[in-house]
C-alpha atoms as a PDB file:
ATOM      1  CA  MET A   1      43.312 169.498  11.962  1.00  0.00           C
ATOM      2  CA  ALA A   2      40.917 169.754  14.927  1.00  0.00           C
ATOM      3  CA  ALA A   3      43.829 169.500  17.363  1.00  0.00           C
ATOM      4  CA  PHE A   4      45.692 172.269  15.548  1.00  0.00           C
ATOM      5  CA  ALA A   5      42.602 174.518  15.592  1.00  0.00           C
ATOM      6  CA  ALA A   6      42.145 173.889  19.313  1.00  0.00           C
ATOM      7  CA  ALA A   7      45.794 174.737  19.940  1.00  0.00           C
ATOM      8  CA  THR A   8      45.391 177.972  17.994  1.00  0.00           C
ATOM      9  CA  VAL A   9      42.382 178.964  20.107  1.00  0.00           C
ATOM     10  CA  VAL A  10      44.366 178.251  23.289  1.00  0.00           C
ATOM     11  CA  ALA A  11      47.240 180.401  22.031  1.00  0.00           C
ATOM     12  CA  VAL A  12      44.981 183.315  21.132  1.00  0.00           C
ATOM     13  CA  VAL A  13      43.208 183.197  24.516  1.00  0.00           C
ATOM     14  CA  LEU A  14      46.526 183.113  26.362  1.00  0.00           C
ATOM     15  CA  PHE A  15      47.817 186.018  24.271  1.00  0.00           C
ATOM     16  CA  LEU A  16      44.717 188.115  24.957  1.00  0.00           C
ATOM     17  CA  LEU A  17      44.976 187.414  28.680  1.00  0.00           C
ATOM     18  CA  GLU A  18      48.614 188.353  28.520  1.00  0.00           C
ATOM     19  CA  GLY A  19      47.714 191.654  26.885  1.00  0.00           C
ATOM     20  CA  ALA A  20      45.364 192.441  29.767  1.00  0.00           C
ATOM     21  CA  VAL A  21      48.215 191.930  32.212  1.00  0.00           C
ATOM     22  CA  TYR A  22      51.054 193.642  30.384  1.00  0.00           C
ATOM     23  CA  GLY A  23      49.240 196.436  28.580  1.00  0.00           C
ATOM     24  CA  GLU A  24      47.866 197.102  25.128  1.00  0.00           C
ATOM     25  CA  LEU A  25      48.490 194.528  22.461  1.00  0.00           C
ATOM     26  CA  TYR A  26      50.839 195.714  19.788  1.00  0.00           C
ATOM     27  CA  ASP A  27      48.899 197.321  16.926  1.00  0.00           C
ATOM     28  CA  LYS A  28      51.195 197.869  13.939  1.00  0.00           C
ATOM     29  CA  ASN A  29      48.928 200.675  12.719  1.00  0.00           C
ATOM     30  CA  LYS A  30      49.149 202.624  15.987  1.00  0.00           C
ATOM     31  CA  CYS A  31      52.519 201.768  17.467  1.00  0.00           C
ATOM     32  CA  ASN A  32      56.092 201.731  16.272  1.00  0.00           C
ATOM     33  CA  ILE A  33      57.560 199.108  18.572  1.00  0.00           C
ATOM     34  CA  PHE A  34      61.079 199.962  17.394  1.00  0.00           C
ATOM     35  CA  GLN A  35      61.013 203.532  18.726  1.00  0.00           C
ATOM     36  CA  GLY A  36      61.475 203.933  22.442  1.00  0.00           C
ATOM     37  CA  LYS A  37      64.095 203.705  25.166  1.00  0.00           C
ATOM     38  CA  TRP A  38      65.623 201.260  27.614  1.00  0.00           C
ATOM     39  CA  VAL A  39      64.288 201.376  31.169  1.00  0.00           C
ATOM     40  CA  TYR A  40      65.412 199.678  34.350  1.00  0.00           C
ATOM     41  CA  ASP A  41      63.190 196.722  35.283  1.00  0.00           C
ATOM     42  CA  PRO A  42      63.986 194.723  38.446  1.00  0.00           C
ATOM     43  CA  SER A  43      62.002 191.733  37.100  1.00  0.00           C
ATOM     44  CA  TYR A  44      64.580 191.223  34.351  1.00  0.00           C
ATOM     45  CA  PRO A  45      66.325 189.199  32.960  1.00  0.00           C
ATOM     46  CA  LEU A  46      63.745 186.908  31.372  1.00  0.00           C
ATOM     47  CA  TYR A  47      65.789 183.800  32.288  1.00  0.00           C
ATOM     48  CA  ASN A  48      68.939 182.636  34.027  1.00  0.00           C
ATOM     49  CA  ALA A  49      71.696 181.348  31.750  1.00  0.00           C
ATOM     50  CA  ARG A  50      72.601 178.713  34.352  1.00  0.00           C
ATOM     51  CA  ASN A  51      69.282 177.002  33.619  1.00  0.00           C
ATOM     52  CA  CYS A  52      69.970 176.822  29.883  1.00  0.00           C
ATOM     53  CA  PRO A  53      72.322 173.830  29.513  1.00  0.00           C
ATOM     54  CA  PHE A  54      72.996 174.245  25.802  1.00  0.00           C
ATOM     55  CA  ILE A  55      73.982 177.921  25.761  1.00  0.00           C
ATOM     56  CA  GLU A  56      77.278 178.656  23.998  1.00  0.00           C
ATOM     57  CA  GLN A  57      79.992 179.668  26.462  1.00  0.00           C
ATOM     58  CA  GLU A  58      80.917 182.695  24.364  1.00  0.00           C
ATOM     59  CA  PHE A  59      77.532 184.300  25.170  1.00  0.00           C
ATOM     60  CA  ASP A  60      77.368 183.405  28.886  1.00  0.00           C
ATOM     61  CA  CYS A  61      79.075 186.522  30.203  1.00  0.00           C
ATOM     62  CA  GLN A  62      78.289 185.861  33.871  1.00  0.00           C
ATOM     63  CA  LYS A  63      79.838 182.395  33.689  1.00  0.00           C
ATOM     64  CA  ASN A  64      82.857 183.952  32.009  1.00  0.00           C
ATOM     65  CA  GLY A  65      83.363 186.249  34.995  1.00  0.00           C
ATOM     66  CA  ARG A  66      81.601 189.502  34.122  1.00  0.00           C
ATOM     67  CA  PRO A  67      81.355 191.236  37.530  1.00  0.00           C
ATOM     68  CA  ASP A  68      78.512 193.709  36.853  1.00  0.00           C
ATOM     69  CA  LYS A  69      74.842 192.742  36.492  1.00  0.00           C
ATOM     70  CA  LEU A  70      73.045 196.007  35.766  1.00  0.00           C
ATOM     71  CA  TYR A  71      73.106 195.265  32.012  1.00  0.00           C
ATOM     72  CA  LEU A  72      70.719 192.366  32.714  1.00  0.00           C
ATOM     73  CA  LYS A  73      68.045 194.675  34.130  1.00  0.00           C
ATOM     74  CA  TYR A  74      66.972 196.722  31.138  1.00  0.00           C
ATOM     75  CA  ARG A  75      63.680 196.345  29.286  1.00  0.00           C
ATOM     76  CA  TRP A  76      62.810 197.891  25.916  1.00  0.00           C
ATOM     77  CA  LYS A  77      59.903 200.347  26.279  1.00  0.00           C
ATOM     78  CA  PRO A  78      58.272 201.599  23.060  1.00  0.00           C
ATOM     79  CA  THR A  79      57.223 205.234  23.160  1.00  0.00           C
ATOM     80  CA  SER A  80      53.556 204.891  22.201  1.00  0.00           C
ATOM     81  CA  CYS A  81      52.459 201.494  23.536  1.00  0.00           C
ATOM     82  CA  LYS A  82      53.390 198.535  25.723  1.00  0.00           C
ATOM     83  CA  LEU A  83      54.765 195.219  24.595  1.00  0.00           C
ATOM     84  CA  PRO A  84      53.450 191.992  26.066  1.00  0.00           C
ATOM     85  CA  ARG A  85      56.013 190.085  28.059  1.00  0.00           C
ATOM     86  CA  PHE A  86      57.379 187.056  26.221  1.00  0.00           C
ATOM     87  CA  LYS A  87      55.398 183.885  26.966  1.00  0.00           C
ATOM     88  CA  GLY A  88      57.060 180.741  25.727  1.00  0.00           C
ATOM     89  CA  ARG A  89      53.994 178.506  26.126  1.00  0.00           C
ATOM     90  CA  VAL A  90      51.935 180.880  23.997  1.00  0.00           C
ATOM     91  CA  PHE A  91      54.642 180.819  21.345  1.00  0.00           C
ATOM     92  CA  LEU A  92      54.839 177.019  21.304  1.00  0.00           C
ATOM     93  CA  GLU A  93      51.071 176.558  21.210  1.00  0.00           C
ATOM     94  CA  ARG A  94      50.598 179.089  18.438  1.00  0.00           C
ATOM     95  CA  PHE A  95      53.312 177.619  16.239  1.00  0.00           C
ATOM     96  CA  ARG A  96      52.603 173.984  16.942  1.00  0.00           C
ATOM     97  CA  GLY A  97      53.721 171.925  13.957  1.00  0.00           C
ATOM     98  CA  LYS A  98      55.822 174.762  12.498  1.00  0.00           C
ATOM     99  CA  ARG A  99      59.462 175.152  11.557  1.00  0.00           C
ATOM    100  CA  ILE A 100      61.124 178.467  12.367  1.00  0.00           C
ATOM    101  CA  MET A 101      64.520 179.068  10.770  1.00  0.00           C
ATOM    102  CA  PHE A 102      67.116 181.743  11.421  1.00  0.00           C
ATOM    103  CA  VAL A 103      69.426 182.246   8.444  1.00  0.00           C
ATOM    104  CA  GLY A 104      72.597 184.246   8.832  1.00  0.00           C
ATOM    105  CA  ASP A 105      75.879 184.629  10.669  1.00  0.00           C
ATOM    106  CA  SER A 106      77.021 184.265  14.279  1.00  0.00           C
ATOM    107  CA  ILE A 107      74.674 187.083  15.307  1.00  0.00           C
ATOM    108  CA  SER A 108      71.855 184.841  14.083  1.00  0.00           C
ATOM    109  CA  LEU A 109      73.390 182.135  16.295  1.00  0.00           C
ATOM    110  CA  ASN A 110      73.174 184.647  19.136  1.00  0.00           C
ATOM    111  CA  GLN A 111      69.463 185.228  18.486  1.00  0.00           C
ATOM    112  CA  TRP A 112      68.707 181.528  17.902  1.00  0.00           C
ATOM    113  CA  GLN A 113      70.359 180.625  21.212  1.00  0.00           C
ATOM    114  CA  SER A 114      68.330 183.323  22.940  1.00  0.00           C
ATOM    115  CA  LEU A 115      65.015 182.008  21.601  1.00  0.00           C
ATOM    116  CA  THR A 116      65.780 178.376  22.376  1.00  0.00           C
ATOM    117  CA  CYS A 117      66.704 179.331  25.945  1.00  0.00           C
ATOM    118  CA  MET A 118      63.550 181.419  26.357  1.00  0.00           C
ATOM    119  CA  LEU A 119      61.366 178.576  25.093  1.00  0.00           C
ATOM    120  CA  HIS A 120      63.129 175.841  27.064  1.00  0.00           C
ATOM    121  CA  LEU A 121      62.838 177.755  30.323  1.00  0.00           C
ATOM    122  CA  ALA A 122      59.139 178.442  29.664  1.00  0.00           C
ATOM    123  CA  VAL A 123      58.504 174.668  29.567  1.00  0.00           C
ATOM    124  CA  PRO A 124      61.496 173.248  31.487  1.00  0.00           C
ATOM    125  CA  LYS A 125      59.957 169.768  31.817  1.00  0.00           C
ATOM    126  CA  ALA A 126      59.281 169.401  28.096  1.00  0.00           C
ATOM    127  CA  LYS A 127      61.715 167.145  26.285  1.00  0.00           C
ATOM    128  CA  TYR A 128      63.829 168.649  23.534  1.00  0.00           C
ATOM    129  CA  THR A 129      66.323 167.479  20.938  1.00  0.00           C
ATOM    130  CA  LEU A 130      69.272 169.417  19.550  1.00  0.00           C
ATOM    131  CA  VAL A 131      70.863 168.157  16.333  1.00  0.00           C
ATOM    132  CA  ARG A 132      73.718 169.832  14.488  1.00  0.00           C
ATOM    133  CA  LYS A 133      74.497 168.634  10.963  1.00  0.00           C
ATOM    134  CA  GLY A 134      76.905 170.714   8.939  1.00  0.00           C
ATOM    135  CA  ASP A 135      75.728 174.323   8.911  1.00  0.00           C
ATOM    136  CA  LEU A 136      72.211 173.428  10.049  1.00  0.00           C
ATOM    137  CA  SER A 137      71.237 173.199  13.726  1.00  0.00           C
ATOM    138  CA  THR A 138      67.747 172.054  14.734  1.00  0.00           C
ATOM    139  CA  PHE A 139      66.239 172.448  18.195  1.00  0.00           C
ATOM    140  CA  THR A 140      62.912 170.597  18.517  1.00  0.00           C
ATOM    141  CA  PHE A 141      60.172 170.308  21.140  1.00  0.00           C
ATOM    142  CA  PRO A 142      58.549 166.953  20.224  1.00  0.00           C
ATOM    143  CA  ALA A 143      55.478 167.568  22.409  1.00  0.00           C
ATOM    144  CA  TYR A 144      54.642 170.664  20.374  1.00  0.00           C
ATOM    145  CA  ASN A 145      56.210 169.528  17.092  1.00  0.00           C
ATOM    146  CA  VAL A 146      57.963 172.906  16.933  1.00  0.00           C
ATOM    147  CA  SER A 147      61.455 173.219  15.486  1.00  0.00           C
ATOM    148  CA  VAL A 148      63.684 176.277  15.836  1.00  0.00           C
ATOM    149  CA  MET A 149      66.479 176.000  13.277  1.00  0.00           C
ATOM    150  CA  LEU A 150      69.673 177.841  12.433  1.00  0.00           C
ATOM    151  CA  SER A 151      71.171 177.827   8.935  1.00  0.00           C
ATOM    152  CA  ARG A 152      74.652 179.350   9.084  1.00  0.00           C
ATOM    153  CA  ASN A 153      75.178 181.543   6.029  1.00  0.00           C
ATOM    154  CA  ALA A 154      77.077 184.723   6.757  1.00  0.00           C
ATOM    155  CA  PHE A 155      76.523 186.417   3.383  1.00  0.00           C
ATOM    156  CA  LEU A 156      73.270 184.772   2.189  1.00  0.00           C
ATOM    157  CA  VAL A 157      74.890 184.611  -1.255  1.00  0.00           C
ATOM    158  CA  ASP A 158      77.465 181.932  -2.122  1.00  0.00           C
ATOM    159  CA  ILE A 159      81.162 181.549  -1.465  1.00  0.00           C
ATOM    160  CA  VAL A 160      82.575 178.909  -3.822  1.00  0.00           C
ATOM    161  CA  GLY A 161      86.040 177.400  -3.895  1.00  0.00           C
ATOM    162  CA  GLU A 162      87.527 177.597  -7.404  1.00  0.00           C
ATOM    163  CA  LYS A 163      91.003 177.408  -8.946  1.00  0.00           C
ATOM    164  CA  VAL A 164      91.431 181.160  -8.499  1.00  0.00           C
ATOM    165  CA  GLY A 165      90.528 180.913  -4.802  1.00  0.00           C
ATOM    166  CA  ARG A 166      87.430 181.499  -2.710  1.00  0.00           C
ATOM    167  CA  VAL A 167      84.916 183.429  -4.789  1.00  0.00           C
ATOM    168  CA  LEU A 168      82.146 185.523  -3.237  1.00  0.00           C
ATOM    169  CA  LYS A 169      79.366 185.332  -5.847  1.00  0.00           C
ATOM    170  CA  LEU A 170      77.076 188.334  -5.444  1.00  0.00           C
ATOM    171  CA  ASN A 171      74.486 186.947  -7.874  1.00  0.00           C
ATOM    172  CA  SER A 172      74.222 183.350  -6.700  1.00  0.00           C
ATOM    173  CA  ILE A 173      72.214 181.557  -3.988  1.00  0.00           C
ATOM    174  CA  GLN A 174      72.595 177.796  -4.030  1.00  0.00           C
ATOM    175  CA  SER A 175      71.529 177.074  -0.442  1.00  0.00           C
ATOM    176  CA  GLY A 176      67.969 178.363  -0.835  1.00  0.00           C
ATOM    177  CA  TYR A 177      66.606 174.810  -1.001  1.00  0.00           C
ATOM    178  CA  ILE A 178      67.339 174.511   2.741  1.00  0.00           C
ATOM    179  CA  TRP A 179      65.362 177.664   3.487  1.00  0.00           C
ATOM    180  CA  LYS A 180      62.290 176.182   1.828  1.00  0.00           C
ATOM    181  CA  ARG A 181      62.006 173.702   4.712  1.00  0.00           C
ATOM    182  CA  ALA A 182      60.809 176.456   7.055  1.00  0.00           C
ATOM    183  CA  ASP A 183      57.386 177.992   7.652  1.00  0.00           C
ATOM    184  CA  ILE A 184      58.917 181.137   9.167  1.00  0.00           C
ATOM    185  CA  LEU A 185      62.260 182.534   8.016  1.00  0.00           C
ATOM    186  CA  VAL A 186      64.281 185.181   9.859  1.00  0.00           C
ATOM    187  CA  PHE A 187      67.240 186.394   7.795  1.00  0.00           C
ATOM    188  CA  ASP A 188      70.207 188.572   8.602  1.00  0.00           C
ATOM    189  CA  THR A 189      73.584 189.465   7.141  1.00  0.00           C
ATOM    190  CA  TRP A 190      76.113 192.198   7.852  1.00  0.00           C
ATOM    191  CA  HIS A 191      78.620 191.139  10.517  1.00  0.00           C
ATOM    192  CA  TRP A 192      81.168 189.677   8.063  1.00  0.00           C
ATOM    193  CA  TRP A 193      80.923 192.201   5.240  1.00  0.00           C
ATOM    194  CA  LEU A 194      83.633 194.517   6.573  1.00  0.00           C
ATOM    195  CA  HIS A 195      86.191 191.854   7.531  1.00  0.00           C
ATOM    196  CA  THR A 196      89.585 192.114   5.880  1.00  0.00           C
ATOM    197  CA  GLY A 197      92.888 190.287   6.136  1.00  0.00           C
ATOM    198  CA  ARG A 198      92.874 186.839   7.753  1.00  0.00           C
ATOM    199  CA  LYS A 199      89.224 187.189   8.815  1.00  0.00           C
ATOM    200  CA  GLN A 200      88.032 187.752   5.249  1.00  0.00           C
ATOM    201  CA  PRO A 201      86.547 184.421   4.085  1.00  0.00           C
ATOM    202  CA  TRP A 202      86.839 185.117   0.335  1.00  0.00           C
ATOM    203  CA  ASP A 203      89.627 186.050  -2.099  1.00  0.00           C
ATOM    204  CA  ILE A 204      87.703 187.371  -5.101  1.00  0.00           C
ATOM    205  CA  ILE A 205      84.307 188.999  -5.642  1.00  0.00           C
ATOM    206  CA  GLN A 206      82.259 188.009  -8.693  1.00  0.00           C
ATOM    207  CA  ASP A 207      79.458 190.277  -9.875  1.00  0.00           C
ATOM    208  CA  ALA A 208      77.734 188.833 -12.945  1.00  0.00           C
ATOM    209  CA  ASN A 209      80.542 188.283 -15.506  1.00  0.00           C
ATOM    210  CA  HIS A 210      83.023 190.569 -13.762  1.00  0.00           C
ATOM    211  CA  THR A 211      85.508 189.693 -11.038  1.00  0.00           C
ATOM    212  CA  TYR A 212      87.167 192.053  -8.579  1.00  0.00           C
ATOM    213  CA  LYS A 213      89.873 191.780  -5.974  1.00  0.00           C
ATOM    214  CA  ASP A 214      87.712 194.045  -3.837  1.00  0.00           C
ATOM    215  CA  MET A 215      84.975 196.656  -4.070  1.00  0.00           C
ATOM    216  CA  ASN A 216      83.170 199.092  -1.817  1.00  0.00           C
ATOM    217  CA  ARG A 217      81.687 196.811   0.819  1.00  0.00           C
ATOM    218  CA  LEU A 218      78.388 198.685   1.062  1.00  0.00           C
ATOM    219  CA  VAL A 219      77.995 198.379  -2.718  1.00  0.00           C
ATOM    220  CA  ALA A 220      78.718 194.648  -2.531  1.00  0.00           C
ATOM    221  CA  TYR A 221      76.304 194.316   0.379  1.00  0.00           C
ATOM    222  CA  GLU A 222      73.471 195.939  -1.557  1.00  0.00           C
ATOM    223  CA  LYS A 223      74.108 193.739  -4.596  1.00  0.00           C
ATOM    224  CA  ALA A 224      73.968 190.607  -2.433  1.00  0.00           C
ATOM    225  CA  LEU A 225      70.773 191.763  -0.723  1.00  0.00           C
ATOM    226  CA  ASN A 226      69.160 192.369  -4.107  1.00  0.00           C
ATOM    227  CA  THR A 227      70.042 188.788  -5.073  1.00  0.00           C
ATOM    228  CA  TRP A 228      68.406 187.602  -1.848  1.00  0.00           C
ATOM    229  CA  ALA A 229      65.356 189.802  -2.624  1.00  0.00           C
ATOM    230  CA  ASN A 230      65.047 188.156  -6.039  1.00  0.00           C
ATOM    231  CA  TRP A 231      65.158 184.752  -4.349  1.00  0.00           C
ATOM    232  CA  VAL A 232      62.327 185.774  -2.012  1.00  0.00           C
ATOM    233  CA  ASN A 233      60.216 187.104  -4.865  1.00  0.00           C
ATOM    234  CA  SER A 234      60.733 183.909  -6.871  1.00  0.00           C
ATOM    235  CA  ASN A 235      60.375 181.346  -4.087  1.00  0.00           C
ATOM    236  CA  VAL A 236      58.114 182.680  -1.345  1.00  0.00           C
ATOM    237  CA  ASP A 237      54.343 182.446  -1.347  1.00  0.00           C
ATOM    238  CA  ALA A 238      53.424 184.942   1.365  1.00  0.00           C
ATOM    239  CA  SER A 239      50.196 183.069   2.101  1.00  0.00           C
ATOM    240  CA  LYS A 240      52.181 179.967   3.075  1.00  0.00           C
ATOM    241  CA  ARG A 241      55.534 181.152   4.391  1.00  0.00           C
ATOM    242  CA  LYS A 242      56.425 184.172   6.511  1.00  0.00           C
ATOM    243  CA  VAL A 243      59.708 185.993   5.920  1.00  0.00           C
ATOM    244  CA  LEU A 244      61.356 188.533   8.191  1.00  0.00           C
ATOM    245  CA  PHE A 245      64.687 190.304   7.965  1.00  0.00           C
ATOM    246  CA  ARG A 246      66.345 191.243  11.221  1.00  0.00           C
ATOM    247  CA  GLY A 247      68.004 194.602  10.755  1.00  0.00           C
ATOM    248  CA  VAL A 248      71.678 195.361  11.202  1.00  0.00           C
ATOM    249  CA  SER A 249      73.180 194.429  14.561  1.00  0.00           C
ATOM    250  CA  PRO A 250      75.678 197.183  15.406  1.00  0.00           C
ATOM    251  CA  ASP A 251      79.051 196.864  17.072  1.00  0.00           C
ATOM    252  CA  HIS A 252      80.461 199.329  19.583  1.00  0.00           C
ATOM    253  CA  MET A 253      84.115 199.586  18.653  1.00  0.00           C
ATOM    254  CA  ASN A 254      84.373 203.385  18.704  1.00  0.00           C
ATOM    255  CA  SER A 255      83.343 205.199  21.868  1.00  0.00           C
ATOM    256  CA  SER A 256      83.128 208.530  20.021  1.00  0.00           C
ATOM    257  CA  ASP A 257      79.883 207.197  18.495  1.00  0.00           C
ATOM    258  CA  TRP A 258      78.165 207.569  21.851  1.00  0.00           C
ATOM    259  CA  ARG A 259      80.136 210.714  22.799  1.00  0.00           C
ATOM    260  CA  ASP A 260      82.093 209.117  25.589  1.00  0.00           C
ATOM    261  CA  PRO A 261      83.224 211.872  27.989  1.00  0.00           C
ATOM    262  CA  LYS A 262      86.457 209.889  28.568  1.00  0.00           C
ATOM    263  CA  PRO A 263      87.427 208.823  25.035  1.00  0.00           C
ATOM    264  CA  ASN A 264      91.071 208.343  25.994  1.00  0.00           C
ATOM    265  CA  ILE A 265      90.102 205.744  28.612  1.00  0.00           C
ATOM    266  CA  ALA A 266      87.262 203.794  26.990  1.00  0.00           C
ATOM    267  CA  LYS A 267      87.794 203.374  23.246  1.00  0.00           C
ATOM    268  CA  ASN A 268      85.191 200.630  22.745  1.00  0.00           C
ATOM    269  CA  CYS A 269      82.513 198.678  24.610  1.00  0.00           C
ATOM    270  CA  ARG A 270      84.930 197.326  27.196  1.00  0.00           C
ATOM    271  CA  GLY A 271      83.969 198.482  30.683  1.00  0.00           C
ATOM    272  CA  GLU A 272      80.567 199.843  29.606  1.00  0.00           C
ATOM    273  CA  THR A 273      77.869 198.988  32.155  1.00  0.00           C
ATOM    274  CA  GLN A 274      74.848 201.109  31.153  1.00  0.00           C
ATOM    275  CA  PRO A 275      72.948 201.884  27.918  1.00  0.00           C
ATOM    276  CA  VAL A 276      72.877 205.208  26.145  1.00  0.00           C
ATOM    277  CA  LEU A 277      69.976 207.004  27.815  1.00  0.00           C
ATOM    278  CA  GLY A 278      67.097 208.406  25.793  1.00  0.00           C
ATOM    279  CA  HIS A 279      65.687 207.628  22.374  1.00  0.00           C
ATOM    280  CA  ASN A 280      68.456 208.685  19.988  1.00  0.00           C
ATOM    281  CA  TYR A 281      71.927 207.333  19.312  1.00  0.00           C
ATOM    282  CA  PRO A 282      74.534 210.114  19.107  1.00  0.00           C
ATOM    283  CA  GLY A 283      76.419 208.353  16.303  1.00  0.00           C
ATOM    284  CA  GLY A 284      73.387 208.520  14.016  1.00  0.00           C
ATOM    285  CA  PRO A 285      71.997 205.850  11.678  1.00  0.00           C
ATOM    286  CA  HIS A 286      74.079 202.806  10.832  1.00  0.00           C
ATOM    287  CA  PRO A 287      75.416 203.071   7.244  1.00  0.00           C
ATOM    288  CA  ALA A 288      74.037 199.652   6.261  1.00  0.00           C
ATOM    289  CA  GLU A 289      70.588 200.273   7.728  1.00  0.00           C
ATOM    290  CA  ALA A 290      69.361 202.432   4.837  1.00  0.00           C
ATOM    291  CA  ILE A 291      70.431 199.740   2.359  1.00  0.00           C
ATOM    292  CA  VAL A 292      68.474 197.063   4.212  1.00  0.00           C
ATOM    293  CA  GLU A 293      65.366 199.247   4.325  1.00  0.00           C
ATOM    294  CA  LYS A 294      65.644 200.090   0.621  1.00  0.00           C
ATOM    295  CA  VAL A 295      65.952 196.443  -0.428  1.00  0.00           C
ATOM    296  CA  VAL A 296      63.164 195.217   1.853  1.00  0.00           C
ATOM    297  CA  ARG A 297      60.829 197.899   0.463  1.00  0.00           C
ATOM    298  CA  SER A 298      61.539 196.565  -3.030  1.00  0.00           C
ATOM    299  CA  ILE A 299      60.185 193.099  -2.182  1.00  0.00           C
ATOM    300  CA  TRP A 300      56.585 194.209  -2.372  1.00  0.00           C
ATOM    301  CA  ASN A 301      54.782 192.883   0.732  1.00  0.00           C
ATOM    302  CA  LYS A 302      56.577 189.592   1.324  1.00  0.00           C
ATOM    303  CA  VAL A 303      59.096 190.604   4.023  1.00  0.00           C
ATOM    304  CA  TYR A 304      58.721 192.238   7.438  1.00  0.00           C
ATOM    305  CA  LEU A 305      61.722 194.224   8.659  1.00  0.00           C
ATOM    306  CA  LEU A 306      62.593 193.901  12.336  1.00  0.00           C
ATOM    307  CA  LYS A 307      64.148 197.331  12.793  1.00  0.00           C
ATOM    308  CA  ILE A 308      66.367 196.539  15.761  1.00  0.00           C
ATOM    309  CA  THR A 309      69.367 198.659  14.759  1.00  0.00           C
ATOM    310  CA  THR A 310      68.736 201.857  16.721  1.00  0.00           C
ATOM    311  CA  LEU A 311      67.540 200.129  19.888  1.00  0.00           C
ATOM    312  CA  SER A 312      70.645 197.907  19.739  1.00  0.00           C
ATOM    313  CA  GLN A 313      72.937 200.888  19.136  1.00  0.00           C
ATOM    314  CA  LEU A 314      71.780 202.235  22.485  1.00  0.00           C
ATOM    315  CA  ARG A 315      73.072 199.095  24.236  1.00  0.00           C
ATOM    316  CA  LYS A 316      76.812 199.737  24.313  1.00  0.00           C
ATOM    317  CA  ASP A 317      76.825 197.797  27.593  1.00  0.00           C
ATOM    318  CA  GLY A 318      75.375 194.562  26.183  1.00  0.00           C
ATOM    319  CA  HIS A 319      78.426 192.951  24.552  1.00  0.00           C
ATOM    320  CA  PRO A 320      80.681 190.254  25.998  1.00  0.00           C
ATOM    321  CA  SER A 321      83.685 192.607  25.711  1.00  0.00           C
ATOM    322  CA  ALA A 322      86.365 190.834  27.808  1.00  0.00           C
ATOM    323  CA  TYR A 323      83.935 188.134  28.987  1.00  0.00           C
ATOM    324  CA  GLY A 324      83.372 186.265  25.758  1.00  0.00           C
ATOM    325  CA  PHE A 325      85.061 183.503  23.800  1.00  0.00           C
ATOM    326  CA  GLY A 326      88.554 185.003  23.805  1.00  0.00           C
ATOM    327  CA  GLY A 327      88.626 185.966  27.474  1.00  0.00           C
ATOM    328  CA  PRO A 328      90.422 189.028  28.876  1.00  0.00           C
ATOM    329  CA  ARG A 329      92.927 189.134  26.005  1.00  0.00           C
ATOM    330  CA  ALA A 330      90.143 189.716  23.471  1.00  0.00           C
ATOM    331  CA  THR A 331      87.378 192.309  23.190  1.00  0.00           C
ATOM    332  CA  ASP A 332      84.082 191.296  21.608  1.00  0.00           C
ATOM    333  CA  CYS A 333      81.955 194.358  20.883  1.00  0.00           C
ATOM    334  CA  SER A 334      79.910 192.633  18.153  1.00  0.00           C
ATOM    335  CA  HIS A 335      78.104 189.695  19.746  1.00  0.00           C
ATOM    336  CA  TRP A 336      75.772 189.998  22.725  1.00  0.00           C
ATOM    337  CA  CYS A 337      75.664 188.574  26.230  1.00  0.00           C
ATOM    338  CA  LEU A 338      72.820 186.191  27.065  1.00  0.00           C
ATOM    339  CA  PRO A 339      70.523 186.971  28.713  1.00  0.00           C
ATOM    340  CA  GLY A 340      70.566 190.288  26.934  1.00  0.00           C
ATOM    341  CA  VAL A 341      69.708 192.311  23.849  1.00  0.00           C
ATOM    342  CA  PRO A 342      68.794 189.337  21.558  1.00  0.00           C
ATOM    343  CA  ASP A 343      66.043 188.453  24.043  1.00  0.00           C
ATOM    344  CA  THR A 344      64.431 191.777  23.158  1.00  0.00           C
ATOM    345  CA  TRP A 345      64.791 191.022  19.453  1.00  0.00           C
ATOM    346  CA  ASN A 346      62.879 187.808  20.105  1.00  0.00           C
ATOM    347  CA  GLN A 347      60.259 189.605  22.168  1.00  0.00           C
ATOM    348  CA  LEU A 348      59.677 191.921  19.198  1.00  0.00           C
ATOM    349  CA  LEU A 349      59.623 188.927  16.854  1.00  0.00           C
ATOM    350  CA  TYR A 350      57.062 187.304  19.154  1.00  0.00           C
ATOM    351  CA  ALA A 351      54.796 190.365  19.090  1.00  0.00           C
ATOM    352  CA  VAL A 352      55.019 190.717  15.302  1.00  0.00           C
ATOM    353  CA  LEU A 353      54.336 187.045  14.574  1.00  0.00           C
ATOM    354  CA  LEU A 354      51.400 186.707  16.934  1.00  0.00           C
ATOM    355  CA  ILE A 355      49.669 189.851  15.712  1.00  0.00           C
ATOM    356  CA  GLN A 356      50.225 188.884  12.068  1.00  0.00           C
ATOM    357  CA  ASN A 357      48.593 185.495  12.596  1.00  0.00           C
END
């Protein structure tokens, strides 16, 4: 107990010193850290992917041959305050003995990989272990007794194999027992909700006692999120476990959304090398964003929403495009290059968690 208290004091002191160097500490009552713009910063990126030996190849765009590097040099700048630069040692000291779990789809994998790289490169001599068992991956720093985990669950609700086929059950969560292992939970879901054809991982949707071949995907999404919200309300003691929901990660498949002056040449993110300038995204709010906000508001005060959607919409340049898993024959405008946009999500997560504690 004394050691933990001492570690907490060290973390707080380091964080306060950091604030003196990088500007005002984030005050949630005075600053909306999710409103701002992207600015060029020659000190970026926060790390070099070559020094992160466990990074998935699909996210290492430079290794996959991406020729431009300007996308690595942008920092998120809130309008009304300054964010402290991410400090991995502060993070590890503050959350000594804790388990942090990301729960979601491959975009959660993207963010989990980002955080593990940022922490590893902050303490490169510290030993780590990486264990993958089924849908659960656990990255641990034994010296700090900190684990950063990933629970792969694309819909949060269940998909169950039955005689009729694969059933997406909008009212059922059977994997919640895994989530209870964590002290800090960061959820997300959206990426897979619009998939059809061969990419659709279910055959039938079940809502209570009714089954459907299909339904409006936004309606299904809201029903599933309400089931997740009920799980949080029933299983989370906010004094013991922190829960966050990372907002919708957008794709950039339609260049008309950012008013491309050459829409006949660039139809998606491929070839994009710079963000949308300014504070506003021409395509407007993401259709799923309002649903997420509505559901999170309904959970009383147990969940903090990381509102990363608009700031991510501005980063049409941040995707692997032709430099991801599929190579030049594929175009990935959904996931993100690392280093890149998920590092900013984790910087925002860092600021929120440290101020809340």
